[in-house]
Full PDB file with SEQRES, HELIX, SHEET, SSBOND, CRYST1, ORIGX, SCALE, CONECT and MASTER records, all heavy atoms in Angstrom:
SEQRES   1 A   37  GLN HIS ASP ALA PRO LEU GLN LEU ARG VAL SER THR LEU          
SEQRES   2 A   37  ASP HIS SER GLU TYR ILE GLY ARG ILE ALA ILE GLY ARG          
SEQRES   3 A   37  ILE ALA ALA GLY THR ILE SER THR ASN GLU GLU                  
SHEET    1 AA1 2 GLN A   7  LEU A   8  0                                        
SHEET    2 AA1 2 ILE A  27  ALA A  29 -1                                        
SHEET    1 AA2 2 THR A  12  SER A  16  0                                        
SHEET    2 AA2 2 GLY A  20  ILE A  24 -1                                        
CRYST1    1.000    1.000    1.000  90.00  90.00  90.00 P 1           1          
ORIGX1      1.000000  0.000000  0.000000        0.00000                         
ORIGX2      0.000000  1.000000  0.000000        0.00000                         
ORIGX3      0.000000  0.000000  1.000000        0.00000                         
SCALE1      1.000000  0.000000  0.000000        0.00000                         
SCALE2      0.000000  1.000000  0.000000        0.00000                         
SCALE3      0.000000  0.000000  1.000000        0.00000                         
ATOM      1  N   GLN A   1      -8.417 -17.796 -11.910  1.00  0.00           N  
ATOM      2  CA  GLN A   1      -7.452 -17.971 -10.773  1.00  0.00           C  
ATOM      3  C   GLN A   1      -7.950 -18.991  -9.915  1.00  0.00           C  
ATOM      4  O   GLN A   1      -9.012 -18.724  -9.156  1.00  0.00           O  
ATOM      5  CB  GLN A   1      -7.259 -16.591 -10.136  1.00  0.00           C  
ATOM      6  CG  GLN A   1      -6.667 -15.492 -11.017  1.00  0.00           C  
ATOM      7  CD  GLN A   1      -6.722 -14.168 -10.292  1.00  0.00           C  
ATOM      8  OE1 GLN A   1      -7.776 -13.582 -10.154  1.00  0.00           O  
ATOM      9  NE2 GLN A   1      -5.494 -13.715  -9.899  1.00  0.00           N  
ATOM     10  N   HIS A   2      -7.343 -20.198  -9.790  1.00  0.00           N  
ATOM     11  CA  HIS A   2      -7.865 -21.280  -9.047  1.00  0.00           C  
ATOM     12  C   HIS A   2      -7.654 -21.114  -7.548  1.00  0.00           C  
ATOM     13  O   HIS A   2      -8.544 -21.567  -6.721  1.00  0.00           O  
ATOM     14  CB  HIS A   2      -7.206 -22.644  -9.506  1.00  0.00           C  
ATOM     15  CG  HIS A   2      -7.632 -22.982 -10.907  1.00  0.00           C  
ATOM     16  ND1 HIS A   2      -8.772 -23.625 -11.138  1.00  0.00           N  
ATOM     17  CD2 HIS A   2      -7.002 -22.850 -12.112  1.00  0.00           C  
ATOM     18  CE1 HIS A   2      -8.936 -23.933 -12.387  1.00  0.00           C  
ATOM     19  NE2 HIS A   2      -7.840 -23.425 -13.065  1.00  0.00           N  
ATOM     20  N   ASP A   3      -6.560 -20.492  -7.177  1.00  0.00           N  
ATOM     21  CA  ASP A   3      -6.158 -20.347  -5.789  1.00  0.00           C  
ATOM     22  C   ASP A   3      -6.588 -18.938  -5.119  1.00  0.00           C  
ATOM     23  O   ASP A   3      -6.308 -18.814  -3.977  1.00  0.00           O  
ATOM     24  CB  ASP A   3      -4.665 -20.515  -5.579  1.00  0.00           C  
ATOM     25  CG  ASP A   3      -4.247 -21.864  -6.114  1.00  0.00           C  
ATOM     26  OD1 ASP A   3      -5.049 -22.812  -5.892  1.00  0.00           O  
ATOM     27  OD2 ASP A   3      -3.172 -22.003  -6.604  1.00  0.00           O  
ATOM     28  N   ALA A   4      -7.289 -18.130  -5.919  1.00  0.00           N  
ATOM     29  CA  ALA A   4      -7.654 -16.817  -5.402  1.00  0.00           C  
ATOM     30  C   ALA A   4      -8.977 -16.922  -4.730  1.00  0.00           C  
ATOM     31  O   ALA A   4      -9.811 -17.891  -4.824  1.00  0.00           O  
ATOM     32  CB  ALA A   4      -7.750 -15.868  -6.580  1.00  0.00           C  
ATOM     33  N   PRO A   5      -9.424 -15.858  -3.997  1.00  0.00           N  
ATOM     34  CA  PRO A   5     -10.737 -15.833  -3.200  1.00  0.00           C  
ATOM     35  C   PRO A   5     -11.819 -15.887  -4.334  1.00  0.00           C  
ATOM     36  O   PRO A   5     -11.764 -15.451  -5.492  1.00  0.00           O  
ATOM     37  CB  PRO A   5     -10.669 -14.514  -2.549  1.00  0.00           C  
ATOM     38  CG  PRO A   5      -9.344 -14.149  -2.316  1.00  0.00           C  
ATOM     39  CD  PRO A   5      -8.547 -14.651  -3.493  1.00  0.00           C  
ATOM     40  N   LEU A   6     -12.934 -16.378  -3.920  1.00  0.00           N  
ATOM     41  CA  LEU A   6     -14.144 -16.645  -4.877  1.00  0.00           C  
ATOM     42  C   LEU A   6     -14.645 -15.335  -5.454  1.00  0.00           C  
ATOM     43  O   LEU A   6     -14.808 -14.253  -4.814  1.00  0.00           O  
ATOM     44  CB  LEU A   6     -15.205 -17.152  -4.010  1.00  0.00           C  
ATOM     45  CG  LEU A   6     -16.699 -17.230  -4.723  1.00  0.00           C  
ATOM     46  CD1 LEU A   6     -16.636 -18.240  -5.912  1.00  0.00           C  
ATOM     47  CD2 LEU A   6     -17.737 -17.679  -3.809  1.00  0.00           C  
ATOM     48  N   GLN A   7     -14.822 -15.311  -6.853  1.00  0.00           N  
ATOM     49  CA  GLN A   7     -15.460 -14.316  -7.648  1.00  0.00           C  
ATOM     50  C   GLN A   7     -16.384 -15.000  -8.684  1.00  0.00           C  
ATOM     51  O   GLN A   7     -15.912 -15.813  -9.468  1.00  0.00           O  
ATOM     52  CB  GLN A   7     -14.458 -13.530  -8.321  1.00  0.00           C  
ATOM     53  CG  GLN A   7     -13.736 -12.489  -7.467  1.00  0.00           C  
ATOM     54  CD  GLN A   7     -12.896 -11.488  -8.145  1.00  0.00           C  
ATOM     55  OE1 GLN A   7     -12.016 -11.992  -8.931  1.00  0.00           O  
ATOM     56  NE2 GLN A   7     -12.943 -10.231  -7.991  1.00  0.00           N  
ATOM     57  N   LEU A   8     -17.624 -14.641  -8.700  1.00  0.00           N  
ATOM     58  CA  LEU A   8     -18.611 -15.167  -9.666  1.00  0.00           C  
ATOM     59  C   LEU A   8     -19.555 -14.074  -9.994  1.00  0.00           C  
ATOM     60  O   LEU A   8     -20.251 -13.566  -9.183  1.00  0.00           O  
ATOM     61  CB  LEU A   8     -19.368 -16.389  -9.181  1.00  0.00           C  
ATOM     62  CG  LEU A   8     -20.263 -17.140 -10.061  1.00  0.00           C  
ATOM     63  CD1 LEU A   8     -20.528 -18.615  -9.515  1.00  0.00           C  
ATOM     64  CD2 LEU A   8     -21.567 -16.540 -10.303  1.00  0.00           C  
ATOM     65  N   ARG A   9     -19.549 -13.657 -11.235  1.00  0.00           N  
ATOM     66  CA  ARG A   9     -20.463 -12.591 -11.719  1.00  0.00           C  
ATOM     67  C   ARG A   9     -21.656 -13.183 -12.260  1.00  0.00           C  
ATOM     68  O   ARG A   9     -21.598 -14.143 -13.193  1.00  0.00           O  
ATOM     69  CB  ARG A   9     -19.781 -11.624 -12.806  1.00  0.00           C  
ATOM     70  CG  ARG A   9     -20.646 -10.537 -13.248  1.00  0.00           C  
ATOM     71  CD  ARG A   9     -19.971  -9.585 -14.090  1.00  0.00           C  
ATOM     72  NE  ARG A   9     -19.248 -10.250 -15.178  1.00  0.00           N  
ATOM     73  CZ  ARG A   9     -18.359  -9.747 -15.939  1.00  0.00           C  
ATOM     74  NH1 ARG A   9     -17.818  -8.592 -15.647  1.00  0.00           N  
ATOM     75  NH2 ARG A   9     -17.865 -10.465 -16.969  1.00  0.00           N  
ATOM     76  N   VAL A  10     -22.877 -12.711 -11.877  1.00  0.00           N  
ATOM     77  CA  VAL A  10     -24.151 -13.334 -12.318  1.00  0.00           C  
ATOM     78  C   VAL A  10     -24.439 -12.776 -13.761  1.00  0.00           C  
ATOM     79  O   VAL A  10     -24.549 -11.560 -13.936  1.00  0.00           O  
ATOM     80  CB  VAL A  10     -25.279 -12.939 -11.366  1.00  0.00           C  
ATOM     81  CG1 VAL A  10     -26.613 -13.533 -11.838  1.00  0.00           C  
ATOM     82  CG2 VAL A  10     -24.998 -13.424  -9.910  1.00  0.00           C  
ATOM     83  N   SER A  11     -24.476 -13.743 -14.650  1.00  0.00           N  
ATOM     84  CA  SER A  11     -24.753 -13.379 -16.048  1.00  0.00           C  
ATOM     85  C   SER A  11     -26.130 -13.510 -16.582  1.00  0.00           C  
ATOM     86  O   SER A  11     -26.519 -12.886 -17.492  1.00  0.00           O  
ATOM     87  CB  SER A  11     -23.796 -14.053 -17.003  1.00  0.00           C  
ATOM     88  OG  SER A  11     -22.416 -13.822 -16.628  1.00  0.00           O  
ATOM     89  N   THR A  12     -26.820 -14.487 -15.932  1.00  0.00           N  
ATOM     90  CA  THR A  12     -28.220 -14.702 -16.292  1.00  0.00           C  
ATOM     91  C   THR A  12     -29.010 -15.340 -15.031  1.00  0.00           C  
ATOM     92  O   THR A  12     -28.407 -15.782 -14.085  1.00  0.00           O  
ATOM     93  CB  THR A  12     -28.312 -15.705 -17.394  1.00  0.00           C  
ATOM     94  OG1 THR A  12     -29.711 -15.716 -17.933  1.00  0.00           O  
ATOM     95  CG2 THR A  12     -27.804 -17.137 -17.146  1.00  0.00           C  
ATOM     96  N   LEU A  13     -30.285 -15.237 -15.116  1.00  0.00           N  
ATOM     97  CA  LEU A  13     -31.091 -15.685 -13.916  1.00  0.00           C  
ATOM     98  C   LEU A  13     -32.137 -16.762 -14.388  1.00  0.00           C  
ATOM     99  O   LEU A  13     -32.638 -16.678 -15.512  1.00  0.00           O  
ATOM    100  CB  LEU A  13     -31.821 -14.511 -13.263  1.00  0.00           C  
ATOM    101  CG  LEU A  13     -31.101 -13.451 -12.620  1.00  0.00           C  
ATOM    102  CD1 LEU A  13     -31.936 -12.338 -12.170  1.00  0.00           C  
ATOM    103  CD2 LEU A  13     -30.321 -14.052 -11.364  1.00  0.00           C  
ATOM    104  N   ASP A  14     -32.405 -17.681 -13.684  1.00  0.00           N  
ATOM    105  CA  ASP A  14     -33.484 -18.577 -13.815  1.00  0.00           C  
ATOM    106  C   ASP A  14     -34.378 -18.518 -12.498  1.00  0.00           C  
ATOM    107  O   ASP A  14     -34.041 -17.848 -11.530  1.00  0.00           O  
ATOM    108  CB  ASP A  14     -32.930 -20.054 -13.982  1.00  0.00           C  
ATOM    109  CG  ASP A  14     -34.010 -20.922 -14.610  1.00  0.00           C  
ATOM    110  OD1 ASP A  14     -35.117 -20.487 -14.892  1.00  0.00           O  
ATOM    111  OD2 ASP A  14     -33.608 -22.149 -14.968  1.00  0.00           O  
ATOM    112  N   HIS A  15     -35.549 -19.100 -12.629  1.00  0.00           N  
ATOM    113  CA  HIS A  15     -36.386 -18.936 -11.472  1.00  0.00           C  
ATOM    114  C   HIS A  15     -37.301 -20.277 -11.348  1.00  0.00           C  
ATOM    115  O   HIS A  15     -37.606 -20.849 -12.324  1.00  0.00           O  
ATOM    116  CB  HIS A  15     -37.441 -17.750 -11.693  1.00  0.00           C  
ATOM    117  CG  HIS A  15     -38.410 -17.523 -10.572  1.00  0.00           C  
ATOM    118  ND1 HIS A  15     -39.476 -18.193 -10.390  1.00  0.00           N  
ATOM    119  CD2 HIS A  15     -38.137 -16.730  -9.420  1.00  0.00           C  
ATOM    120  CE1 HIS A  15     -40.128 -17.774  -9.247  1.00  0.00           C  
ATOM    121  NE2 HIS A  15     -39.250 -16.930  -8.620  1.00  0.00           N  
ATOM    122  N   SER A  16     -37.463 -20.654 -10.092  1.00  0.00           N  
ATOM    123  CA  SER A  16     -38.295 -21.849  -9.775  1.00  0.00           C  
ATOM    124  C   SER A  16     -39.269 -21.489  -8.701  1.00  0.00           C  
ATOM    125  O   SER A  16     -38.924 -20.798  -7.799  1.00  0.00           O  
ATOM    126  CB  SER A  16     -37.302 -22.961  -9.279  1.00  0.00           C  
ATOM    127  OG  SER A  16     -38.144 -23.925  -8.647  1.00  0.00           O  
ATOM    128  N   GLU A  17     -40.485 -21.907  -8.948  1.00  0.00           N  
ATOM    129  CA  GLU A  17     -41.516 -21.559  -8.007  1.00  0.00           C  
ATOM    130  C   GLU A  17     -41.299 -22.252  -6.649  1.00  0.00           C  
ATOM    131  O   GLU A  17     -41.912 -21.875  -5.581  1.00  0.00           O  
ATOM    132  CB  GLU A  17     -42.921 -21.907  -8.509  1.00  0.00           C  
ATOM    133  CG  GLU A  17     -43.081 -23.355  -8.908  1.00  0.00           C  
ATOM    134  CD  GLU A  17     -44.379 -23.601  -9.528  1.00  0.00           C  
ATOM    135  OE1 GLU A  17     -44.575 -23.549 -10.735  1.00  0.00           O  
ATOM    136  OE2 GLU A  17     -45.317 -24.029  -8.745  1.00  0.00           O  
ATOM    137  N   TYR A  18     -40.408 -23.181  -6.611  1.00  0.00           N  
ATOM    138  CA  TYR A  18     -40.122 -23.975  -5.393  1.00  0.00           C  
ATOM    139  C   TYR A  18     -38.873 -23.374  -4.574  1.00  0.00           C  
ATOM    140  O   TYR A  18     -38.951 -23.220  -3.319  1.00  0.00           O  
ATOM    141  CB  TYR A  18     -39.909 -25.392  -5.636  1.00  0.00           C  
ATOM    142  CG  TYR A  18     -41.054 -26.013  -6.362  1.00  0.00           C  
ATOM    143  CD1 TYR A  18     -40.943 -26.452  -7.771  1.00  0.00           C  
ATOM    144  CD2 TYR A  18     -42.231 -26.337  -5.609  1.00  0.00           C  
ATOM    145  CE1 TYR A  18     -42.034 -27.108  -8.371  1.00  0.00           C  
ATOM    146  CE2 TYR A  18     -43.285 -26.928  -6.359  1.00  0.00           C  
ATOM    147  CZ  TYR A  18     -43.098 -27.266  -7.668  1.00  0.00           C  
ATOM    148  OH  TYR A  18     -44.183 -27.831  -8.361  1.00  0.00           O  
ATOM    149  N   ILE A  19     -37.913 -23.002  -5.379  1.00  0.00           N  
ATOM    150  CA  ILE A  19     -36.649 -22.617  -4.684  1.00  0.00           C  
ATOM    151  C   ILE A  19     -36.290 -21.136  -4.999  1.00  0.00           C  
ATOM    152  O   ILE A  19     -35.213 -20.631  -4.501  1.00  0.00           O  
ATOM    153  CB  ILE A  19     -35.437 -23.511  -5.068  1.00  0.00           C  
ATOM    154  CG1 ILE A  19     -35.224 -23.693  -6.555  1.00  0.00           C  
ATOM    155  CG2 ILE A  19     -35.644 -24.852  -4.402  1.00  0.00           C  
ATOM    156  CD1 ILE A  19     -34.088 -24.515  -7.069  1.00  0.00           C  
ATOM    157  N   GLY A  20     -37.100 -20.454  -5.795  1.00  0.00           N  
ATOM    158  CA  GLY A  20     -36.905 -19.034  -5.967  1.00  0.00           C  
ATOM    159  C   GLY A  20     -35.931 -18.777  -7.163  1.00  0.00           C  
ATOM    160  O   GLY A  20     -35.722 -19.524  -7.985  1.00  0.00           O  
ATOM    161  N   ARG A  21     -35.136 -17.602  -6.950  1.00  0.00           N  
ATOM    162  CA  ARG A  21     -34.297 -17.225  -7.996  1.00  0.00           C  
ATOM    163  C   ARG A  21     -32.974 -18.077  -7.956  1.00  0.00           C  
ATOM    164  O   ARG A  21     -32.361 -18.386  -6.961  1.00  0.00           O  
ATOM    165  CB  ARG A  21     -33.945 -15.698  -7.711  1.00  0.00           C  
ATOM    166  CG  ARG A  21     -33.369 -15.000  -8.912  1.00  0.00           C  
ATOM    167  CD  ARG A  21     -33.197 -13.484  -8.614  1.00  0.00           C  
ATOM    168  NE  ARG A  21     -34.457 -12.739  -8.498  1.00  0.00           N  
ATOM    169  CZ  ARG A  21     -34.522 -11.406  -8.499  1.00  0.00           C  
ATOM    170  NH1 ARG A  21     -33.512 -10.715  -8.598  1.00  0.00           N  
ATOM    171  NH2 ARG A  21     -35.681 -10.899  -8.348  1.00  0.00           N  
ATOM    172  N   ILE A  22     -32.500 -18.299  -9.259  1.00  0.00           N  
ATOM    173  CA  ILE A  22     -31.282 -19.096  -9.368  1.00  0.00           C  
ATOM    174  C   ILE A  22     -30.343 -18.235 -10.263  1.00  0.00           C  
ATOM    175  O   ILE A  22     -30.522 -17.777 -11.330  1.00  0.00           O  
ATOM    176  CB  ILE A  22     -31.639 -20.374 -10.181  1.00  0.00           C  
ATOM    177  CG1 ILE A  22     -32.595 -21.217  -9.401  1.00  0.00           C  
ATOM    178  CG2 ILE A  22     -30.253 -21.260 -10.391  1.00  0.00           C  
ATOM    179  CD1 ILE A  22     -33.137 -22.362 -10.209  1.00  0.00           C  
ATOM    180  N   ALA A  23     -29.126 -17.928  -9.652  1.00  0.00           N  
ATOM    181  CA  ALA A  23     -28.133 -17.192 -10.338  1.00  0.00           C  
ATOM    182  C   ALA A  23     -27.180 -18.099 -11.122  1.00  0.00           C  
ATOM    183  O   ALA A  23     -26.711 -19.124 -10.615  1.00  0.00           O  
ATOM    184  CB  ALA A  23     -27.280 -16.412  -9.235  1.00  0.00           C  
ATOM    185  N   ILE A  24     -26.939 -17.705 -12.397  1.00  0.00           N  
ATOM    186  CA  ILE A  24     -26.063 -18.502 -13.259  1.00  0.00           C  
ATOM    187  C   ILE A  24     -24.876 -17.601 -13.717  1.00  0.00           C  
ATOM    188  O   ILE A  24     -25.085 -16.479 -14.115  1.00  0.00           O  
ATOM    189  CB  ILE A  24     -26.845 -19.010 -14.492  1.00  0.00           C  
ATOM    190  CG1 ILE A  24     -27.956 -19.994 -14.099  1.00  0.00           C  
ATOM    191  CG2 ILE A  24     -25.911 -19.790 -15.453  1.00  0.00           C  
ATOM    192  CD1 ILE A  24     -29.013 -20.262 -15.020  1.00  0.00           C  
ATOM    193  N   GLY A  25     -23.688 -18.110 -13.690  1.00  0.00           N  
ATOM    194  CA  GLY A  25     -22.529 -17.440 -14.193  1.00  0.00           C  
ATOM    195  C   GLY A  25     -21.264 -18.251 -14.167  1.00  0.00           C  
ATOM    196  O   GLY A  25     -21.346 -19.411 -13.765  1.00  0.00           O  
ATOM    197  N   ARG A  26     -20.243 -17.753 -14.658  1.00  0.00           N  
ATOM    198  CA  ARG A  26     -18.876 -18.468 -14.655  1.00  0.00           C  
ATOM    199  C   ARG A  26     -18.094 -18.013 -13.452  1.00  0.00           C  
ATOM    200  O   ARG A  26     -17.962 -16.803 -13.152  1.00  0.00           O  
ATOM    201  CB  ARG A  26     -18.099 -18.093 -15.959  1.00  0.00           C  
ATOM    202  CG  ARG A  26     -16.943 -19.035 -16.122  1.00  0.00           C  
ATOM    203  CD  ARG A  26     -16.166 -18.795 -17.458  1.00  0.00           C  
ATOM    204  NE  ARG A  26     -15.407 -17.476 -17.310  1.00  0.00           N  
ATOM    205  CZ  ARG A  26     -14.591 -17.088 -18.321  1.00  0.00           C  
ATOM    206  NH1 ARG A  26     -14.319 -17.837 -19.269  1.00  0.00           N  
ATOM    207  NH2 ARG A  26     -13.984 -15.880 -18.151  1.00  0.00           N  
ATOM    208  N   ILE A  27     -17.429 -18.942 -12.848  1.00  0.00           N  
ATOM    209  CA  ILE A  27     -16.597 -18.614 -11.678  1.00  0.00           C  
ATOM    210  C   ILE A  27     -15.226 -18.240 -12.277  1.00  0.00           C  
ATOM    211  O   ILE A  27     -14.563 -18.879 -12.971  1.00  0.00           O  
ATOM    212  CB  ILE A  27     -16.394 -19.928 -10.800  1.00  0.00           C  
ATOM    213  CG1 ILE A  27     -17.678 -20.525 -10.357  1.00  0.00           C  
ATOM    214  CG2 ILE A  27     -15.524 -19.542  -9.596  1.00  0.00           C  
ATOM    215  CD1 ILE A  27     -17.612 -21.810  -9.635  1.00  0.00           C  
ATOM    216  N   ALA A  28     -14.903 -16.971 -11.823  1.00  0.00           N  
ATOM    217  CA  ALA A  28     -13.690 -16.346 -12.374  1.00  0.00           C  
ATOM    218  C   ALA A  28     -12.631 -16.628 -11.504  1.00  0.00           C  
ATOM    219  O   ALA A  28     -11.347 -16.544 -11.923  1.00  0.00           O  
ATOM    220  CB  ALA A  28     -13.800 -14.833 -12.462  1.00  0.00           C  
ATOM    221  N   ALA A  29     -12.726 -16.892 -10.184  1.00  0.00           N  
ATOM    222  CA  ALA A  29     -11.667 -17.222  -9.334  1.00  0.00           C  
ATOM    223  C   ALA A  29     -12.142 -18.116  -8.091  1.00  0.00           C  
ATOM    224  O   ALA A  29     -13.426 -17.970  -7.686  1.00  0.00           O  
ATOM    225  CB  ALA A  29     -10.997 -15.988  -8.633  1.00  0.00           C  
ATOM    226  N   GLY A  30     -11.390 -18.949  -7.502  1.00  0.00           N  
ATOM    227  CA  GLY A  30     -11.786 -19.704  -6.376  1.00  0.00           C  
ATOM    228  C   GLY A  30     -12.761 -20.811  -6.656  1.00  0.00           C  
ATOM    229  O   GLY A  30     -12.942 -21.320  -7.756  1.00  0.00           O  
ATOM    230  N   THR A  31     -13.410 -21.195  -5.534  1.00  0.00           N  
ATOM    231  CA  THR A  31     -14.428 -22.338  -5.628  1.00  0.00           C  
ATOM    232  C   THR A  31     -15.619 -21.816  -4.856  1.00  0.00           C  
ATOM    233  O   THR A  31     -15.543 -21.017  -4.024  1.00  0.00           O  
ATOM    234  CB  THR A  31     -13.904 -23.564  -5.014  1.00  0.00           C  
ATOM    235  OG1 THR A  31     -13.531 -23.372  -3.685  1.00  0.00           O  
ATOM    236  CG2 THR A  31     -12.665 -24.151  -5.760  1.00  0.00           C  
ATOM    237  N   ILE A  32     -16.722 -22.436  -5.181  1.00  0.00           N  
ATOM    238  CA  ILE A  32     -18.025 -22.236  -4.353  1.00  0.00           C  
ATOM    239  C   ILE A  32     -18.547 -23.543  -4.029  1.00  0.00           C  
ATOM    240  O   ILE A  32     -18.547 -24.421  -4.675  1.00  0.00           O  
ATOM    241  CB  ILE A  32     -18.997 -21.396  -5.200  1.00  0.00           C  
ATOM    242  CG1 ILE A  32     -20.247 -21.014  -4.427  1.00  0.00           C  
ATOM    243  CG2 ILE A  32     -19.512 -22.138  -6.538  1.00  0.00           C  
ATOM    244  CD1 ILE A  32     -21.105 -19.936  -5.102  1.00  0.00           C  
ATOM    245  N   SER A  33     -19.154 -23.624  -2.708  1.00  0.00           N  
ATOM    246  CA  SER A  33     -19.500 -24.907  -2.175  1.00  0.00           C  
ATOM    247  C   SER A  33     -20.986 -24.755  -1.652  1.00  0.00           C  
ATOM    248  O   SER A  33     -21.443 -23.676  -1.265  1.00  0.00           O  
ATOM    249  CB  SER A  33     -18.576 -25.320  -0.999  1.00  0.00           C  
ATOM    250  OG  SER A  33     -17.301 -25.438  -1.484  1.00  0.00           O  
ATOM    251  N   THR A  34     -21.633 -25.865  -1.425  1.00  0.00           N  
ATOM    252  CA  THR A  34     -22.944 -25.935  -0.950  1.00  0.00           C  
ATOM    253  C   THR A  34     -22.861 -25.539   0.579  1.00  0.00           C  
ATOM    254  O   THR A  34     -21.905 -25.944   1.224  1.00  0.00           O  
ATOM    255  CB  THR A  34     -23.444 -27.317  -0.939  1.00  0.00           C  
ATOM    256  OG1 THR A  34     -23.635 -27.643  -2.421  1.00  0.00           O  
ATOM    257  CG2 THR A  34     -24.813 -27.402  -0.301  1.00  0.00           C  
ATOM    258  N   ASN A  35     -23.737 -24.681   1.008  1.00  0.00           N  
ATOM    259  CA  ASN A  35     -23.855 -24.196   2.440  1.00  0.00           C  
ATOM    260  C   ASN A  35     -22.735 -23.149   2.821  1.00  0.00           C  
ATOM    261  O   ASN A  35     -22.494 -22.906   3.981  1.00  0.00           O  
ATOM    262  CB  ASN A  35     -23.752 -25.361   3.442  1.00  0.00           C  
ATOM    263  CG  ASN A  35     -25.021 -26.222   3.332  1.00  0.00           C  
ATOM    264  OD1 ASN A  35     -26.170 -25.659   3.158  1.00  0.00           O  
ATOM    265  ND2 ASN A  35     -24.876 -27.530   3.579  1.00  0.00           N  
ATOM    266  N   GLU A  36     -22.004 -22.709   1.797  1.00  0.00           N  
ATOM    267  CA  GLU A  36     -20.923 -21.742   1.998  1.00  0.00           C  
ATOM    268  C   GLU A  36     -21.558 -20.384   2.312  1.00  0.00           C  
ATOM    269  O   GLU A  36     -22.506 -19.968   1.550  1.00  0.00           O  
ATOM    270  CB  GLU A  36     -20.004 -21.631   0.858  1.00  0.00           C  
ATOM    271  CG  GLU A  36     -18.865 -20.714   0.988  1.00  0.00           C  
ATOM    272  CD  GLU A  36     -17.916 -20.714  -0.225  1.00  0.00           C  
ATOM    273  OE1 GLU A  36     -18.113 -21.437  -1.149  1.00  0.00           O  
ATOM    274  OE2 GLU A  36     -17.061 -19.830  -0.256  1.00  0.00           O  
ATOM    275  N   GLU A  37     -21.017 -19.636   3.323  1.00  0.00           N  
ATOM    276  CA  GLU A  37     -21.398 -18.255   3.509  1.00  0.00           C  
ATOM    277  C   GLU A  37     -20.657 -17.303   2.550  1.00  0.00           C  
ATOM    278  O   GLU A  37     -19.367 -17.445   2.510  1.00  0.00           O  
ATOM    279  CB  GLU A  37     -21.252 -17.824   4.906  1.00  0.00           C  
ATOM    280  CG  GLU A  37     -21.911 -16.552   5.249  1.00  0.00           C  
ATOM    281  CD  GLU A  37     -21.928 -16.277   6.829  1.00  0.00           C  
ATOM    282  OE1 GLU A  37     -21.503 -17.126   7.510  1.00  0.00           O  
ATOM    283  OE2 GLU A  37     -22.322 -15.206   7.154  1.00  0.00           O  
TER     284      GLU A  37                                                      
MASTER        0    0    0    0    4    0    0    6  283    1    0    3          
END                                                                             
């Protein structure tokens, strides 16, 4: 759903010693942006 509110389920995790935990998944609805709350 492109116009619906954001939904992203975390399916796998990566980790970096510099930036910590990285969440990976497919966006099911909406969009996600840098610096978004």
